[in-house]
Amino acid sequence: MKASQTATPRPLPLEIVAKLSRLSTSQREVINKQMLNPRNQGLNLDDHRKIYEGLVERSLQRR
């Protein structure tokens, strides 16, 4: 396992927190479920965060 995979995740940027607050609980749950697969594939934290932020952006555009 790489060191970056075991590192403590950094807090979410305030910009993403603000975007998440505009989503419904069910939208956030869908995003979290979608993130299980990449996480289980052993992606590093930076790649994981990029995917997460992309899902948040797409969810906001669908609103």
PDB file of N, CA and C in Angstrom:
ATOM      1  N   MET A   1       0.848  -1.184   0.000  1.00  0.00           N
ATOM      2  CA  MET A   1       0.000   0.000   0.000  1.00  0.00           C
ATOM      3  C   MET A   1       0.890   1.243   0.000  1.00  0.00           C
ATOM      4  N   LYS A   2       0.536   2.220  -0.784  1.00  0.00           N
ATOM      5  CA  LYS A   2       1.311   3.455  -0.856  1.00  0.00           C
ATOM      6  C   LYS A   2       1.024   4.333   0.358  1.00  0.00           C
ATOM      7  N   ALA A   3       1.978   5.185   0.698  1.00  0.00           N
ATOM      8  CA  ALA A   3       1.796   6.101   1.829  1.00  0.00           C
ATOM      9  C   ALA A   3       0.607   7.015   1.607  1.00  0.00           C
ATOM     10  N   SER A   4       0.381   7.429   0.354  1.00  0.00           N
ATOM     11  CA  SER A   4      -0.733   8.345   0.085  1.00  0.00           C
ATOM     12  C   SER A   4      -2.081   7.680   0.321  1.00  0.00           C
ATOM     13  N   GLN A   5      -2.126   6.355   0.271  1.00  0.00           N
ATOM     14  CA  GLN A   5      -3.379   5.645   0.496  1.00  0.00           C
ATOM     15  C   GLN A   5      -3.699   5.535   1.985  1.00  0.00           C
ATOM     16  N   THR A   6      -2.702   5.611   2.808  1.00  0.00           N
ATOM     17  CA  THR A   6      -2.925   5.476   4.236  1.00  0.00           C
ATOM     18  C   THR A   6      -2.969   6.824   4.948  1.00  0.00           C
ATOM     19  N   ALA A   7      -2.691   7.883   4.224  1.00  0.00           N
ATOM     20  CA  ALA A   7      -2.674   9.213   4.829  1.00  0.00           C
ATOM     21  C   ALA A   7      -4.075   9.626   5.271  1.00  0.00           C
ATOM     22  N   THR A   8      -4.114  10.463   6.269  1.00  0.00           N
ATOM     23  CA  THR A   8      -5.382  11.001   6.735  1.00  0.00           C
ATOM     24  C   THR A   8      -5.915  11.977   5.696  1.00  0.00           C
ATOM     25  N   PRO A   9      -7.188  11.814   5.296  1.00  0.00           N
ATOM     26  CA  PRO A   9      -7.738  12.731   4.295  1.00  0.00           C
ATOM     27  C   PRO A   9      -7.765  14.170   4.804  1.00  0.00           C
ATOM     28  N   ARG A  10      -7.513  15.089   3.893  1.00  0.00           N
ATOM     29  CA  ARG A  10      -7.615  16.518   4.230  1.00  0.00           C
ATOM     30  C   ARG A  10      -9.093  16.892   4.282  1.00  0.00           C
ATOM     31  N   PRO A  11      -9.427  17.919   5.049  1.00  0.00           N
ATOM     32  CA  PRO A  11     -10.817  18.377   5.068  1.00  0.00           C
ATOM     33  C   PRO A  11     -11.231  18.848   3.674  1.00  0.00           C
ATOM     34  N   LEU A  12     -12.519  18.740   3.393  1.00  0.00           N
ATOM     35  CA  LEU A  12     -13.017  19.218   2.104  1.00  0.00           C
ATOM     36  C   LEU A  12     -12.869  20.728   2.015  1.00  0.00           C
ATOM     37  N   PRO A  13     -12.527  21.228   0.832  1.00  0.00           N
ATOM     38  CA  PRO A  13     -12.471  22.683   0.653  1.00  0.00           C
ATOM     39  C   PRO A  13     -13.848  23.302   0.914  1.00  0.00           C
ATOM     40  N   LEU A  14     -13.842  24.510   1.414  1.00  0.00           N
ATOM     41  CA  LEU A  14     -15.108  25.189   1.725  1.00  0.00           C
ATOM     42  C   LEU A  14     -16.010  25.299   0.499  1.00  0.00           C
ATOM     43  N   GLU A  15     -15.418  25.431  -0.672  1.00  0.00           N
ATOM     44  CA  GLU A  15     -16.200  25.524  -1.907  1.00  0.00           C
ATOM     45  C   GLU A  15     -17.030  24.246  -2.119  1.00  0.00           C
ATOM     46  N   ILE A  16     -16.432  23.098  -1.877  1.00  0.00           N
ATOM     47  CA  ILE A  16     -17.151  21.827  -2.039  1.00  0.00           C
ATOM     48  C   ILE A  16     -18.204  21.673  -0.946  1.00  0.00           C
ATOM     49  N   VAL A  17     -17.883  22.072   0.268  1.00  0.00           N
ATOM     50  CA  VAL A  17     -18.851  22.011   1.367  1.00  0.00           C
ATOM     51  C   VAL A  17     -20.077  22.851   1.022  1.00  0.00           C
ATOM     52  N   ALA A  18     -19.866  24.035   0.461  1.00  0.00           N
ATOM     53  CA  ALA A  18     -20.981  24.895   0.064  1.00  0.00           C
ATOM     54  C   ALA A  18     -21.811  24.233  -1.023  1.00  0.00           C
ATOM     55  N   LYS A  19     -21.150  23.594  -1.972  1.00  0.00           N
ATOM     56  CA  LYS A  19     -21.875  22.909  -3.051  1.00  0.00           C
ATOM     57  C   LYS A  19     -22.668  21.732  -2.502  1.00  0.00           C
ATOM     58  N   LEU A  20     -22.078  20.982  -1.602  1.00  0.00           N
ATOM     59  CA  LEU A  20     -22.786  19.851  -0.999  1.00  0.00           C
ATOM     60  C   LEU A  20     -24.032  20.308  -0.254  1.00  0.00           C
ATOM     61  N   SER A  21     -23.963  21.475   0.361  1.00  0.00           N
ATOM     62  CA  SER A  21     -25.121  21.971   1.113  1.00  0.00           C
ATOM     63  C   SER A  21     -26.294  22.306   0.191  1.00  0.00           C
ATOM     64  N   ARG A  22     -26.013  22.480  -1.101  1.00  0.00           N
ATOM     65  CA  ARG A  22     -27.080  22.763  -2.063  1.00  0.00           C
ATOM     66  C   ARG A  22     -27.720  21.492  -2.612  1.00  0.00           C
ATOM     67  N   LEU A  23     -27.140  20.344  -2.298  1.00  0.00           N
ATOM     68  CA  LEU A  23     -27.685  19.071  -2.754  1.00  0.00           C
ATOM     69  C   LEU A  23     -28.610  18.485  -1.692  1.00  0.00           C
ATOM     70  N   SER A  24     -29.545  17.677  -2.132  1.00  0.00           N
ATOM     71  CA  SER A  24     -30.423  16.996  -1.180  1.00  0.00           C
ATOM     72  C   SER A  24     -29.667  15.849  -0.520  1.00  0.00           C
ATOM     73  N   THR A  25     -30.226  15.357   0.555  1.00  0.00           N
ATOM     74  CA  THR A  25     -29.619  14.224   1.248  1.00  0.00           C
ATOM     75  C   THR A  25     -29.529  13.028   0.322  1.00  0.00           C
ATOM     76  N   SER A  26     -30.556  12.783  -0.456  1.00  0.00           N
ATOM     77  CA  SER A  26     -30.530  11.628  -1.357  1.00  0.00           C
ATOM     78  C   SER A  26     -29.465  11.785  -2.441  1.00  0.00           C
ATOM     79  N   GLN A  27     -29.241  13.004  -2.921  1.00  0.00           N
ATOM     80  CA  GLN A  27     -28.181  13.225  -3.913  1.00  0.00           C
ATOM     81  C   GLN A  27     -26.808  12.957  -3.300  1.00  0.00           C
ATOM     82  N   ARG A  28     -26.611  13.394  -2.068  1.00  0.00           N
ATOM     83  CA  ARG A  28     -25.338  13.145  -1.393  1.00  0.00           C
ATOM     84  C   ARG A  28     -25.130  11.650  -1.141  1.00  0.00           C
ATOM     85  N   GLU A  29     -26.217  10.942  -0.812  1.00  0.00           N
ATOM     86  CA  GLU A  29     -26.123   9.497  -0.598  1.00  0.00           C
ATOM     87  C   GLU A  29     -25.728   8.772  -1.878  1.00  0.00           C
ATOM     88  N   VAL A  30     -26.283   9.203  -3.013  1.00  0.00           N
ATOM     89  CA  VAL A  30     -25.942   8.600  -4.300  1.00  0.00           C
ATOM     90  C   VAL A  30     -24.458   8.803  -4.596  1.00  0.00           C
ATOM     91  N   ILE A  31     -23.975  10.010  -4.361  1.00  0.00           N
ATOM     92  CA  ILE A  31     -22.550  10.303  -4.586  1.00  0.00           C
ATOM     93  C   ILE A  31     -21.692   9.411  -3.699  1.00  0.00           C
ATOM     94  N   ASN A  32     -22.041   9.295  -2.431  1.00  0.00           N
ATOM     95  CA  ASN A  32     -21.253   8.483  -1.507  1.00  0.00           C
ATOM     96  C   ASN A  32     -21.244   7.011  -1.914  1.00  0.00           C
ATOM     97  N   LYS A  33     -22.377   6.503  -2.392  1.00  0.00           N
ATOM     98  CA  LYS A  33     -22.431   5.119  -2.859  1.00  0.00           C
ATOM     99  C   LYS A  33     -21.565   4.936  -4.099  1.00  0.00           C
ATOM    100  N   GLN A  34     -21.580   5.926  -4.996  1.00  0.00           N
ATOM    101  CA  GLN A  34     -20.766   5.838  -6.206  1.00  0.00           C
ATOM    102  C   GLN A  34     -19.278   5.862  -5.869  1.00  0.00           C
ATOM    103  N   MET A  35     -18.923   6.471  -4.763  1.00  0.00           N
ATOM    104  CA  MET A  35     -17.514   6.592  -4.388  1.00  0.00           C
ATOM    105  C   MET A  35     -16.959   5.324  -3.743  1.00  0.00           C
ATOM    106  N   LEU A  36     -17.806   4.371  -3.389  1.00  0.00           N
ATOM    107  CA  LEU A  36     -17.314   3.140  -2.779  1.00  0.00           C
ATOM    108  C   LEU A  36     -16.428   2.356  -3.740  1.00  0.00           C
ATOM    109  N   ASN A  37     -16.814   2.265  -5.004  1.00  0.00           N
ATOM    110  CA  ASN A  37     -16.041   1.483  -5.964  1.00  0.00           C
ATOM    111  C   ASN A  37     -14.631   2.039  -6.167  1.00  0.00           C
ATOM    112  N   PRO A  38     -14.469   3.339  -6.501  1.00  0.00           N
ATOM    113  CA  PRO A  38     -13.101   3.850  -6.647  1.00  0.00           C
ATOM    114  C   PRO A  38     -12.277   3.703  -5.366  1.00  0.00           C
ATOM    115  N   ARG A  39     -12.919   3.871  -4.237  1.00  0.00           N
ATOM    116  CA  ARG A  39     -12.205   3.758  -2.967  1.00  0.00           C
ATOM    117  C   ARG A  39     -11.702   2.336  -2.761  1.00  0.00           C
ATOM    118  N   ASN A  40     -12.538   1.371  -3.117  1.00  0.00           N
ATOM    119  CA  ASN A  40     -12.152  -0.027  -2.952  1.00  0.00           C
ATOM    120  C   ASN A  40     -11.113  -0.464  -3.977  1.00  0.00           C
ATOM    121  N   GLN A  41     -10.940   0.300  -5.040  1.00  0.00           N
ATOM    122  CA  GLN A  41      -9.937  -0.024  -6.050  1.00  0.00           C
ATOM    123  C   GLN A  41      -8.555   0.495  -5.651  1.00  0.00           C
ATOM    124  N   GLY A  42      -8.462   1.171  -4.532  1.00  0.00           N
ATOM    125  CA  GLY A  42      -7.170   1.616  -4.032  1.00  0.00           C
ATOM    126  C   GLY A  42      -6.658   2.916  -4.636  1.00  0.00           C
ATOM    127  N   LEU A  43      -7.552   3.771  -5.104  1.00  0.00           N
ATOM    128  CA  LEU A  43      -7.110   5.062  -5.637  1.00  0.00           C
ATOM    129  C   LEU A  43      -6.489   5.904  -4.531  1.00  0.00           C
ATOM    130  N   ASN A  44      -5.517   6.732  -4.909  1.00  0.00           N
ATOM    131  CA  ASN A  44      -4.941   7.624  -3.900  1.00  0.00           C
ATOM    132  C   ASN A  44      -5.947   8.733  -3.574  1.00  0.00           C
ATOM    133  N   LEU A  45      -5.685   9.437  -2.511  1.00  0.00           N
ATOM    134  CA  LEU A  45      -6.646  10.429  -2.020  1.00  0.00           C
ATOM    135  C   LEU A  45      -6.886  11.557  -3.007  1.00  0.00           C
ATOM    136  N   ASP A  46      -5.859  11.989  -3.723  1.00  0.00           N
ATOM    137  CA  ASP A  46      -6.047  13.075  -4.687  1.00  0.00           C
ATOM    138  C   ASP A  46      -6.959  12.657  -5.832  1.00  0.00           C
ATOM    139  N   ASP A  47      -6.757  11.452  -6.366  1.00  0.00           N
ATOM    140  CA  ASP A  47      -7.621  10.964  -7.439  1.00  0.00           C
ATOM    141  C   ASP A  47      -9.048  10.765  -6.940  1.00  0.00           C
ATOM    142  N   HIS A  48      -9.163  10.247  -5.731  1.00  0.00           N
ATOM    143  CA  HIS A  48     -10.475  10.033  -5.116  1.00  0.00           C
ATOM    144  C   HIS A  48     -11.214  11.365  -4.990  1.00  0.00           C
ATOM    145  N   ARG A  49     -10.497  12.393  -4.553  1.00  0.00           N
ATOM    146  CA  ARG A  49     -11.101  13.717  -4.379  1.00  0.00           C
ATOM    147  C   ARG A  49     -11.554  14.305  -5.713  1.00  0.00           C
ATOM    148  N   LYS A  50     -10.747  14.121  -6.767  1.00  0.00           N
ATOM    149  CA  LYS A  50     -11.120  14.638  -8.088  1.00  0.00           C
ATOM    150  C   LYS A  50     -12.413  13.995  -8.580  1.00  0.00           C
ATOM    151  N   ILE A  51     -12.534  12.694  -8.388  1.00  0.00           N
ATOM    152  CA  ILE A  51     -13.756  11.996  -8.796  1.00  0.00           C
ATOM    153  C   ILE A  51     -14.938  12.520  -7.988  1.00  0.00           C
ATOM    154  N   TYR A  52     -14.753  12.652  -6.691  1.00  0.00           N
ATOM    155  CA  TYR A  52     -15.816  13.132  -5.804  1.00  0.00           C
ATOM    156  C   TYR A  52     -16.291  14.530  -6.215  1.00  0.00           C
ATOM    157  N   GLU A  53     -15.348  15.423  -6.449  1.00  0.00           N
ATOM    158  CA  GLU A  53     -15.703  16.788  -6.841  1.00  0.00           C
ATOM    159  C   GLU A  53     -16.420  16.804  -8.188  1.00  0.00           C
ATOM    160  N   GLY A  54     -16.020  15.928  -9.110  1.00  0.00           N
ATOM    161  CA  GLY A  54     -16.701  15.830 -10.399  1.00  0.00           C
ATOM    162  C   GLY A  54     -18.139  15.360 -10.239  1.00  0.00           C
ATOM    163  N   LEU A  55     -18.356  14.397  -9.359  1.00  0.00           N
ATOM    164  CA  LEU A  55     -19.723  13.915  -9.111  1.00  0.00           C
ATOM    165  C   LEU A  55     -20.591  15.006  -8.486  1.00  0.00           C
ATOM    166  N   VAL A  56     -20.009  15.783  -7.577  1.00  0.00           N
ATOM    167  CA  VAL A  56     -20.746  16.886  -6.953  1.00  0.00           C
ATOM    168  C   VAL A  56     -21.138  17.904  -8.027  1.00  0.00           C
ATOM    169  N   GLU A  57     -20.199  18.257  -8.892  1.00  0.00           N
ATOM    170  CA  GLU A  57     -20.479  19.224  -9.965  1.00  0.00           C
ATOM    171  C   GLU A  57     -21.605  18.733 -10.873  1.00  0.00           C
ATOM    172  N   ARG A  58     -21.522  17.465 -11.291  1.00  0.00           N
ATOM    173  CA  ARG A  58     -22.561  16.918 -12.180  1.00  0.00           C
ATOM    174  C   ARG A  58     -23.923  16.889 -11.498  1.00  0.00           C
ATOM    175  N   SER A  59     -23.942  16.570 -10.216  1.00  0.00           N
ATOM    176  CA  SER A  59     -25.214  16.550  -9.480  1.00  0.00           C
ATOM    177  C   SER A  59     -25.830  17.933  -9.418  1.00  0.00           C
ATOM    178  N   LEU A  60     -25.007  18.948  -9.241  1.00  0.00           N
ATOM    179  CA  LEU A  60     -25.512  20.329  -9.202  1.00  0.00           C
ATOM    180  C   LEU A  60     -26.062  20.748 -10.558  1.00  0.00           C
ATOM    181  N   GLN A  61     -25.433  20.327 -11.628  1.00  0.00           N
ATOM    182  CA  GLN A  61     -25.885  20.697 -12.974  1.00  0.00           C
ATOM    183  C   GLN A  61     -27.218  20.035 -13.299  1.00  0.00           C
ATOM    184  N   ARG A  62     -27.491  18.883 -12.721  1.00  0.00           N
ATOM    185  CA  ARG A  62     -28.749  18.172 -12.985  1.00  0.00           C
ATOM    186  C   ARG A  62     -29.921  18.744 -12.210  1.00  0.00           C
ATOM    187  N   ARG A  63     -29.657  19.568 -11.218  1.00  0.00           N
ATOM    188  CA  ARG A  63     -30.732  20.118 -10.376  1.00  0.00           C
ATOM    189  C   ARG A  63     -31.680  20.955 -11.160  1.00  0.00           C
TER     190      ARG A  63
END
